[in-house]
Amino acid sequence: MKFGERYENIFVAGLILSFFLPWISFGGFFSINGLDMPTMLSGLGKIAKGFSGKENADTAGTGIFYIFYLIPILSISYLVLTLKKNKNIKAISIITGLIPILGLIYALINYGSKVIHLLSIGGYLTILCGIGMLLAAFGVIKPKIKQSEKSE
């Protein structure tokens, strides 16, 4: 199978690309991409802790965003295993697709619907590619198999 004949490959390429695009934009003044998201939010949490004056202020919630680093790691792992013709990649495909969706759900629960207004092109692309990965992993969307491949 060629690269573009497997939908997961296209979605994985989209996830890798979107990791470097702006995920969140604050009124067009500045934006945060997936690569900078965990460190920026962790830093903002430390600043908030300093301003609150509370020694035990909860900044642990910002540390969870480090899980977003798994998106490019798992995406590259998926591509490498695909190139090695490994057939047991469904679990990686599912986990890779779940991370952006669970991240959005977490953000909506903790920060409300204003998160949707802050999302930028990279954030939307990440979520769409995550959904696509899940749909492809569960066989909801499949590439068309050519007649010559069916007979093999």
N, C-alpha and C. Protein backbone atom coordinates (compact mmCIF):
# COMPACT_ATOMS: atom_id res chain seq x y z
N MET A 1 0.83 -1.18 0.00
CA MET A 1 0.00 0.00 0.00
C MET A 1 0.88 1.25 0.00
N LYS A 2 0.49 2.20 -0.78
CA LYS A 2 1.23 3.46 -0.82
C LYS A 2 0.83 4.34 0.35
N PHE A 3 1.62 5.40 0.57
CA PHE A 3 1.40 6.27 1.73
C PHE A 3 -0.02 6.81 1.79
N GLY A 4 -0.52 7.35 0.71
CA GLY A 4 -1.83 8.00 0.70
C GLY A 4 -3.00 7.05 0.63
N GLU A 5 -2.75 5.76 0.44
CA GLU A 5 -3.83 4.80 0.34
C GLU A 5 -4.34 4.35 1.70
N ARG A 6 -3.69 4.71 2.74
CA ARG A 6 -4.12 4.37 4.09
C ARG A 6 -4.46 5.67 4.80
N TYR A 7 -5.72 5.85 5.16
CA TYR A 7 -6.17 7.12 5.71
C TYR A 7 -5.43 7.52 6.98
N GLU A 8 -5.07 6.54 7.79
CA GLU A 8 -4.36 6.86 9.02
C GLU A 8 -3.06 7.61 8.73
N ASN A 9 -2.38 7.25 7.64
CA ASN A 9 -1.13 7.93 7.28
C ASN A 9 -1.38 9.42 7.01
N ILE A 10 -2.47 9.72 6.35
CA ILE A 10 -2.79 11.11 6.05
C ILE A 10 -3.12 11.86 7.33
N PHE A 11 -3.89 11.22 8.21
CA PHE A 11 -4.24 11.87 9.48
C PHE A 11 -3.02 12.05 10.37
N VAL A 12 -2.13 11.08 10.37
CA VAL A 12 -0.89 11.19 11.16
C VAL A 12 -0.03 12.34 10.63
N ALA A 13 0.06 12.47 9.32
CA ALA A 13 0.82 13.59 8.74
C ALA A 13 0.17 14.91 9.14
N GLY A 14 -1.15 14.95 9.17
CA GLY A 14 -1.86 16.15 9.62
C GLY A 14 -1.60 16.45 11.08
N LEU A 15 -1.52 15.42 11.92
CA LEU A 15 -1.23 15.63 13.34
C LEU A 15 0.17 16.19 13.55
N ILE A 16 1.12 15.66 12.80
CA ILE A 16 2.50 16.15 12.92
C ILE A 16 2.58 17.60 12.46
N LEU A 17 1.97 17.91 11.33
CA LEU A 17 1.96 19.28 10.82
C LEU A 17 1.26 20.22 11.80
N SER A 18 0.11 19.81 12.30
CA SER A 18 -0.67 20.69 13.17
C SER A 18 0.02 20.95 14.51
N PHE A 19 0.94 20.09 14.90
CA PHE A 19 1.64 20.28 16.17
C PHE A 19 2.49 21.55 16.15
N PHE A 20 2.89 21.97 14.96
CA PHE A 20 3.72 23.16 14.82
C PHE A 20 2.94 24.40 14.39
N LEU A 21 1.64 24.24 14.16
CA LEU A 21 0.77 25.37 13.82
C LEU A 21 0.17 25.93 15.11
N PRO A 22 -0.34 27.17 15.07
CA PRO A 22 -0.94 27.75 16.28
C PRO A 22 -2.18 26.97 16.73
N TRP A 23 -2.19 26.55 17.99
CA TRP A 23 -3.35 25.85 18.55
C TRP A 23 -4.30 26.84 19.20
N ILE A 24 -3.72 27.80 19.91
CA ILE A 24 -4.52 28.79 20.62
C ILE A 24 -4.04 30.17 20.22
N SER A 25 -4.99 31.06 19.96
CA SER A 25 -4.66 32.43 19.62
C SER A 25 -5.39 33.36 20.57
N PHE A 26 -4.66 34.27 21.16
CA PHE A 26 -5.24 35.23 22.09
C PHE A 26 -5.46 36.55 21.38
N GLY A 27 -6.59 36.65 20.71
CA GLY A 27 -6.99 37.88 20.04
C GLY A 27 -6.05 38.32 18.94
N GLY A 28 -5.27 37.41 18.41
CA GLY A 28 -4.34 37.75 17.35
C GLY A 28 -3.06 38.39 17.86
N PHE A 29 -2.95 38.63 19.17
CA PHE A 29 -1.74 39.25 19.71
C PHE A 29 -0.60 38.25 19.82
N PHE A 30 -0.90 37.05 20.30
CA PHE A 30 0.09 35.99 20.30
C PHE A 30 -0.63 34.65 20.29
N SER A 31 0.09 33.65 19.87
CA SER A 31 -0.50 32.32 19.78
C SER A 31 0.47 31.29 20.35
N ILE A 32 -0.09 30.12 20.66
CA ILE A 32 0.69 29.03 21.22
C ILE A 32 0.49 27.81 20.33
N ASN A 33 1.58 27.20 19.89
CA ASN A 33 1.46 25.98 19.11
C ASN A 33 1.55 24.77 20.04
N GLY A 34 1.36 23.58 19.49
CA GLY A 34 1.38 22.36 20.29
C GLY A 34 2.72 22.12 20.97
N LEU A 35 3.79 22.49 20.31
CA LEU A 35 5.12 22.31 20.86
C LEU A 35 5.33 23.16 22.11
N ASP A 36 4.82 24.38 22.10
CA ASP A 36 5.01 25.30 23.21
C ASP A 36 3.92 25.23 24.28
N MET A 37 2.82 24.55 23.97
CA MET A 37 1.67 24.53 24.88
C MET A 37 2.01 24.09 26.30
N PRO A 38 2.61 22.94 26.53
CA PRO A 38 2.86 22.52 27.91
C PRO A 38 3.76 23.47 28.70
N THR A 39 4.82 23.94 28.08
CA THR A 39 5.75 24.81 28.81
C THR A 39 5.13 26.18 29.08
N MET A 40 4.37 26.71 28.12
CA MET A 40 3.71 28.01 28.32
C MET A 40 2.68 27.92 29.45
N LEU A 41 1.87 26.88 29.43
CA LEU A 41 0.84 26.75 30.46
C LEU A 41 1.44 26.47 31.82
N SER A 42 2.52 25.72 31.85
CA SER A 42 3.20 25.47 33.12
C SER A 42 3.77 26.78 33.67
N GLY A 43 4.37 27.58 32.80
CA GLY A 43 4.91 28.87 33.21
C GLY A 43 3.83 29.81 33.69
N LEU A 44 2.69 29.84 32.98
CA LEU A 44 1.58 30.69 33.40
C LEU A 44 1.03 30.24 34.76
N GLY A 45 1.05 28.91 34.98
CA GLY A 45 0.60 28.40 36.28
C GLY A 45 1.51 28.86 37.40
N LYS A 46 2.82 28.88 37.14
CA LYS A 46 3.77 29.33 38.16
C LYS A 46 3.62 30.83 38.42
N ILE A 47 3.34 31.60 37.37
CA ILE A 47 3.11 33.03 37.55
C ILE A 47 1.85 33.26 38.39
N ALA A 48 0.79 32.51 38.08
CA ALA A 48 -0.45 32.64 38.84
C ALA A 48 -0.22 32.25 40.30
N LYS A 49 0.58 31.23 40.51
CA LYS A 49 0.90 30.81 41.88
C LYS A 49 1.64 31.92 42.62
N GLY A 50 2.55 32.58 41.94
CA GLY A 50 3.29 33.68 42.55
C GLY A 50 2.41 34.87 42.88
N PHE A 51 1.48 35.20 41.99
CA PHE A 51 0.59 36.33 42.24
C PHE A 51 -0.44 36.03 43.33
N SER A 52 -0.82 34.77 43.45
CA SER A 52 -1.82 34.44 44.46
C SER A 52 -1.25 34.51 45.87
N GLY A 53 0.06 34.34 45.98
CA GLY A 53 0.70 34.40 47.28
C GLY A 53 0.50 33.15 48.11
N LYS A 54 -0.15 32.17 47.54
CA LYS A 54 -0.39 30.91 48.25
C LYS A 54 0.73 29.94 47.92
N GLU A 55 1.33 29.39 48.95
CA GLU A 55 2.42 28.44 48.75
C GLU A 55 1.93 27.15 48.09
N ASN A 56 0.72 26.76 48.44
CA ASN A 56 0.18 25.49 47.96
C ASN A 56 -0.83 25.67 46.82
N ALA A 57 -0.71 26.73 46.06
CA ALA A 57 -1.65 26.96 44.96
C ALA A 57 -1.55 25.80 43.96
N ASP A 58 -2.68 25.39 43.45
CA ASP A 58 -2.72 24.23 42.57
C ASP A 58 -2.29 24.60 41.15
N THR A 59 -1.10 24.14 40.78
CA THR A 59 -0.63 24.31 39.40
C THR A 59 -0.44 22.95 38.75
N ALA A 60 -0.85 21.89 39.42
CA ALA A 60 -0.68 20.54 38.88
C ALA A 60 -1.52 20.35 37.62
N GLY A 61 -2.63 21.07 37.50
CA GLY A 61 -3.49 20.93 36.34
C GLY A 61 -2.80 21.31 35.04
N THR A 62 -1.82 22.17 35.11
CA THR A 62 -1.12 22.56 33.88
C THR A 62 -0.14 21.50 33.43
N GLY A 63 0.31 20.66 34.33
CA GLY A 63 1.26 19.61 33.98
C GLY A 63 0.68 18.54 33.09
N ILE A 64 -0.63 18.40 33.12
CA ILE A 64 -1.29 17.38 32.31
C ILE A 64 -1.12 17.66 30.81
N PHE A 65 -0.87 18.90 30.47
CA PHE A 65 -0.73 19.25 29.06
C PHE A 65 0.56 18.70 28.45
N TYR A 66 1.48 18.19 29.26
CA TYR A 66 2.67 17.55 28.72
C TYR A 66 2.33 16.29 27.93
N ILE A 67 1.14 15.77 28.14
CA ILE A 67 0.71 14.59 27.40
C ILE A 67 0.60 14.89 25.90
N PHE A 68 0.47 16.18 25.55
CA PHE A 68 0.39 16.54 24.13
C PHE A 68 1.67 16.20 23.38
N TYR A 69 2.78 16.06 24.08
CA TYR A 69 4.02 15.64 23.43
C TYR A 69 3.91 14.23 22.87
N LEU A 70 2.95 13.46 23.37
CA LEU A 70 2.75 12.12 22.84
C LEU A 70 2.20 12.13 21.41
N ILE A 71 1.55 13.22 21.02
CA ILE A 71 0.96 13.27 19.68
C ILE A 71 2.02 13.10 18.60
N PRO A 72 3.09 13.91 18.55
CA PRO A 72 4.08 13.67 17.50
C PRO A 72 4.88 12.39 17.73
N ILE A 73 5.12 12.02 18.98
CA ILE A 73 5.89 10.80 19.26
C ILE A 73 5.13 9.57 18.75
N LEU A 74 3.84 9.48 19.09
CA LEU A 74 3.04 8.35 18.62
C LEU A 74 2.80 8.41 17.12
N SER A 75 2.68 9.61 16.58
CA SER A 75 2.48 9.75 15.13
C SER A 75 3.69 9.25 14.36
N ILE A 76 4.86 9.62 14.80
CA ILE A 76 6.09 9.15 14.14
C ILE A 76 6.25 7.65 14.33
N SER A 77 5.93 7.17 15.53
CA SER A 77 5.99 5.72 15.79
C SER A 77 5.05 4.98 14.85
N TYR A 78 3.87 5.53 14.66
CA TYR A 78 2.90 4.92 13.75
C TYR A 78 3.46 4.84 12.33
N LEU A 79 4.04 5.95 11.87
CA LEU A 79 4.60 5.95 10.51
C LEU A 79 5.74 4.95 10.36
N VAL A 80 6.60 4.87 11.37
CA VAL A 80 7.72 3.92 11.31
C VAL A 80 7.20 2.49 11.28
N LEU A 81 6.22 2.18 12.13
CA LEU A 81 5.67 0.82 12.14
C LEU A 81 4.93 0.51 10.85
N THR A 82 4.31 1.51 10.26
CA THR A 82 3.64 1.31 8.97
C THR A 82 4.66 1.01 7.87
N LEU A 83 5.78 1.73 7.89
CA LEU A 83 6.82 1.49 6.88
C LEU A 83 7.45 0.11 7.05
N LYS A 84 7.47 -0.40 8.29
CA LYS A 84 8.02 -1.73 8.55
C LYS A 84 6.98 -2.82 8.31
N LYS A 85 5.83 -2.42 7.81
CA LYS A 85 4.73 -3.34 7.47
C LYS A 85 4.19 -4.07 8.70
N ASN A 86 4.24 -3.42 9.85
CA ASN A 86 3.71 -4.01 11.08
C ASN A 86 2.19 -3.90 11.06
N LYS A 87 1.52 -4.98 11.28
CA LYS A 87 0.05 -5.01 11.22
C LYS A 87 -0.60 -4.65 12.55
N ASN A 88 0.15 -4.71 13.64
CA ASN A 88 -0.41 -4.47 14.97
C ASN A 88 -0.23 -3.02 15.40
N ILE A 89 -0.86 -2.12 14.67
CA ILE A 89 -0.71 -0.69 14.97
C ILE A 89 -2.04 -0.04 15.34
N LYS A 90 -3.05 -0.85 15.50
CA LYS A 90 -4.38 -0.31 15.81
C LYS A 90 -4.38 0.41 17.16
N ALA A 91 -3.70 -0.13 18.16
CA ALA A 91 -3.68 0.49 19.48
C ALA A 91 -3.02 1.86 19.43
N ILE A 92 -1.91 1.97 18.70
CA ILE A 92 -1.23 3.27 18.57
C ILE A 92 -2.14 4.25 17.84
N SER A 93 -2.84 3.77 16.84
CA SER A 93 -3.76 4.62 16.09
C SER A 93 -4.88 5.15 16.99
N ILE A 94 -5.41 4.29 17.83
CA ILE A 94 -6.51 4.70 18.73
C ILE A 94 -6.00 5.69 19.77
N ILE A 95 -4.88 5.41 20.39
CA ILE A 95 -4.33 6.32 21.41
C ILE A 95 -3.98 7.67 20.81
N THR A 96 -3.37 7.65 19.64
CA THR A 96 -3.01 8.90 18.96
C THR A 96 -4.25 9.73 18.64
N GLY A 97 -5.32 9.08 18.25
CA GLY A 97 -6.56 9.79 17.95
C GLY A 97 -7.28 10.29 19.19
N LEU A 98 -7.14 9.56 20.30
CA LEU A 98 -7.83 9.95 21.53
C LEU A 98 -7.22 11.15 22.23
N ILE A 99 -5.91 11.32 22.14
CA ILE A 99 -5.24 12.38 22.90
C ILE A 99 -5.81 13.77 22.58
N PRO A 100 -5.95 14.18 21.31
CA PRO A 100 -6.51 15.51 21.06
C PRO A 100 -7.96 15.65 21.51
N ILE A 101 -8.74 14.59 21.35
CA ILE A 101 -10.15 14.65 21.73
C ILE A 101 -10.29 14.74 23.25
N LEU A 102 -9.53 13.93 23.97
CA LEU A 102 -9.57 13.98 25.42
C LEU A 102 -9.03 15.32 25.94
N GLY A 103 -8.03 15.87 25.24
CA GLY A 103 -7.52 17.19 25.61
C GLY A 103 -8.57 18.26 25.47
N LEU A 104 -9.34 18.19 24.39
CA LEU A 104 -10.42 19.16 24.19
C LEU A 104 -11.50 19.00 25.26
N ILE A 105 -11.86 17.76 25.55
CA ILE A 105 -12.87 17.52 26.58
C ILE A 105 -12.40 18.04 27.94
N TYR A 106 -11.12 17.78 28.27
CA TYR A 106 -10.54 18.26 29.52
C TYR A 106 -10.60 19.79 29.58
N ALA A 107 -10.22 20.43 28.48
CA ALA A 107 -10.22 21.90 28.45
C ALA A 107 -11.63 22.45 28.56
N LEU A 108 -12.60 21.82 27.91
CA LEU A 108 -13.98 22.28 27.99
C LEU A 108 -14.54 22.14 29.41
N ILE A 109 -14.19 21.04 30.06
CA ILE A 109 -14.68 20.82 31.43
C ILE A 109 -14.06 21.84 32.39
N ASN A 110 -12.77 22.06 32.26
CA ASN A 110 -12.07 22.91 33.22
C ASN A 110 -12.12 24.40 32.90
N TYR A 111 -12.23 24.75 31.62
CA TYR A 111 -12.16 26.16 31.25
C TYR A 111 -13.40 26.68 30.55
N GLY A 112 -14.34 25.80 30.27
CA GLY A 112 -15.60 26.21 29.67
C GLY A 112 -15.54 26.38 28.16
N SER A 113 -16.64 26.85 27.61
CA SER A 113 -16.77 26.95 26.16
C SER A 113 -15.90 28.05 25.55
N LYS A 114 -15.32 28.92 26.38
CA LYS A 114 -14.46 29.96 25.83
C LYS A 114 -13.22 29.38 25.15
N VAL A 115 -12.92 28.11 25.44
CA VAL A 115 -11.79 27.42 24.80
C VAL A 115 -12.00 27.36 23.29
N ILE A 116 -13.24 27.13 22.88
CA ILE A 116 -13.54 27.03 21.45
C ILE A 116 -13.20 28.33 20.74
N HIS A 117 -13.43 29.46 21.38
CA HIS A 117 -13.14 30.77 20.78
C HIS A 117 -11.64 31.05 20.70
N LEU A 118 -10.87 30.38 21.54
CA LEU A 118 -9.42 30.58 21.54
C LEU A 118 -8.70 29.68 20.54
N LEU A 119 -9.37 28.61 20.10
CA LEU A 119 -8.72 27.67 19.19
C LEU A 119 -8.34 28.34 17.88
N SER A 120 -7.21 27.91 17.36
CA SER A 120 -6.73 28.42 16.08
C SER A 120 -6.61 27.25 15.11
N ILE A 121 -6.06 27.48 13.94
CA ILE A 121 -6.03 26.49 12.87
C ILE A 121 -5.38 25.17 13.30
N GLY A 122 -4.30 25.24 14.03
CA GLY A 122 -3.62 24.02 14.47
C GLY A 122 -4.46 23.22 15.44
N GLY A 123 -5.19 23.90 16.31
CA GLY A 123 -6.07 23.22 17.26
C GLY A 123 -7.20 22.49 16.55
N TYR A 124 -7.82 23.18 15.60
CA TYR A 124 -8.90 22.55 14.84
C TYR A 124 -8.38 21.38 14.02
N LEU A 125 -7.24 21.54 13.37
CA LEU A 125 -6.67 20.47 12.56
C LEU A 125 -6.30 19.27 13.42
N THR A 126 -5.77 19.52 14.61
CA THR A 126 -5.41 18.43 15.51
C THR A 126 -6.65 17.63 15.91
N ILE A 127 -7.71 18.33 16.26
CA ILE A 127 -8.94 17.65 16.66
C ILE A 127 -9.55 16.88 15.49
N LEU A 128 -9.59 17.49 14.31
CA LEU A 128 -10.14 16.79 13.14
C LEU A 128 -9.32 15.56 12.77
N CYS A 129 -8.01 15.67 12.82
CA CYS A 129 -7.16 14.52 12.50
C CYS A 129 -7.28 13.44 13.58
N GLY A 130 -7.46 13.84 14.83
CA GLY A 130 -7.69 12.87 15.90
C GLY A 130 -8.97 12.08 15.67
N ILE A 131 -10.04 12.79 15.30
CA ILE A 131 -11.31 12.13 14.99
C ILE A 131 -11.13 11.21 13.79
N GLY A 132 -10.43 11.69 12.78
CA GLY A 132 -10.17 10.86 11.60
C GLY A 132 -9.39 9.60 11.93
N MET A 133 -8.39 9.73 12.81
CA MET A 133 -7.61 8.56 13.23
C MET A 133 -8.51 7.52 13.89
N LEU A 134 -9.40 7.98 14.76
CA LEU A 134 -10.31 7.04 15.43
C LEU A 134 -11.26 6.38 14.45
N LEU A 135 -11.81 7.17 13.54
CA LEU A 135 -12.73 6.60 12.55
C LEU A 135 -12.03 5.58 11.66
N ALA A 136 -10.80 5.87 11.26
CA ALA A 136 -10.05 4.94 10.42
C ALA A 136 -9.63 3.71 11.21
N ALA A 137 -9.25 3.89 12.47
CA ALA A 137 -8.82 2.76 13.30
C ALA A 137 -9.96 1.77 13.53
N PHE A 138 -11.17 2.29 13.70
CA PHE A 138 -12.32 1.42 13.95
C PHE A 138 -12.99 0.98 12.65
N GLY A 139 -12.44 1.34 11.50
CA GLY A 139 -12.94 0.87 10.22
C GLY A 139 -14.18 1.59 9.73
N VAL A 140 -14.51 2.73 10.31
CA VAL A 140 -15.67 3.49 9.84
C VAL A 140 -15.38 4.07 8.47
N ILE A 141 -14.16 4.57 8.27
CA ILE A 141 -13.75 5.00 6.94
C ILE A 141 -12.60 4.10 6.50
N LYS A 142 -12.72 3.59 5.29
CA LYS A 142 -11.72 2.67 4.76
C LYS A 142 -11.35 3.08 3.34
N PRO A 143 -10.10 2.82 2.97
CA PRO A 143 -9.73 3.09 1.57
C PRO A 143 -10.38 2.04 0.67
N LYS A 144 -10.66 2.44 -0.56
CA LYS A 144 -11.22 1.49 -1.51
C LYS A 144 -10.13 0.53 -1.94
N ILE A 145 -10.44 -0.74 -1.95
CA ILE A 145 -9.47 -1.75 -2.36
C ILE A 145 -9.68 -2.02 -3.85
N LYS A 146 -8.58 -1.93 -4.58
CA LYS A 146 -8.63 -2.15 -6.03
C LYS A 146 -8.91 -3.63 -6.28
N GLN A 147 -9.51 -3.94 -7.41
CA GLN A 147 -9.87 -5.31 -7.77
C GLN A 147 -8.64 -6.21 -7.79
N SER A 148 -7.49 -5.68 -8.25
CA SER A 148 -6.26 -6.49 -8.33
C SER A 148 -5.76 -6.86 -6.94
N GLU A 149 -5.99 -5.99 -5.91
CA GLU A 149 -5.56 -6.29 -4.55
C GLU A 149 -6.47 -7.29 -3.87
N LYS A 150 -7.74 -7.35 -4.27
CA LYS A 150 -8.68 -8.30 -3.67
C LYS A 150 -8.29 -9.74 -4.00
N SER A 151 -7.78 -9.95 -5.19
CA SER A 151 -7.47 -11.30 -5.64
C SER A 151 -6.18 -11.84 -5.02
N GLU A 152 -5.36 -10.96 -4.44
CA GLU A 152 -4.08 -11.42 -3.88
C GLU A 152 -4.25 -12.07 -2.54
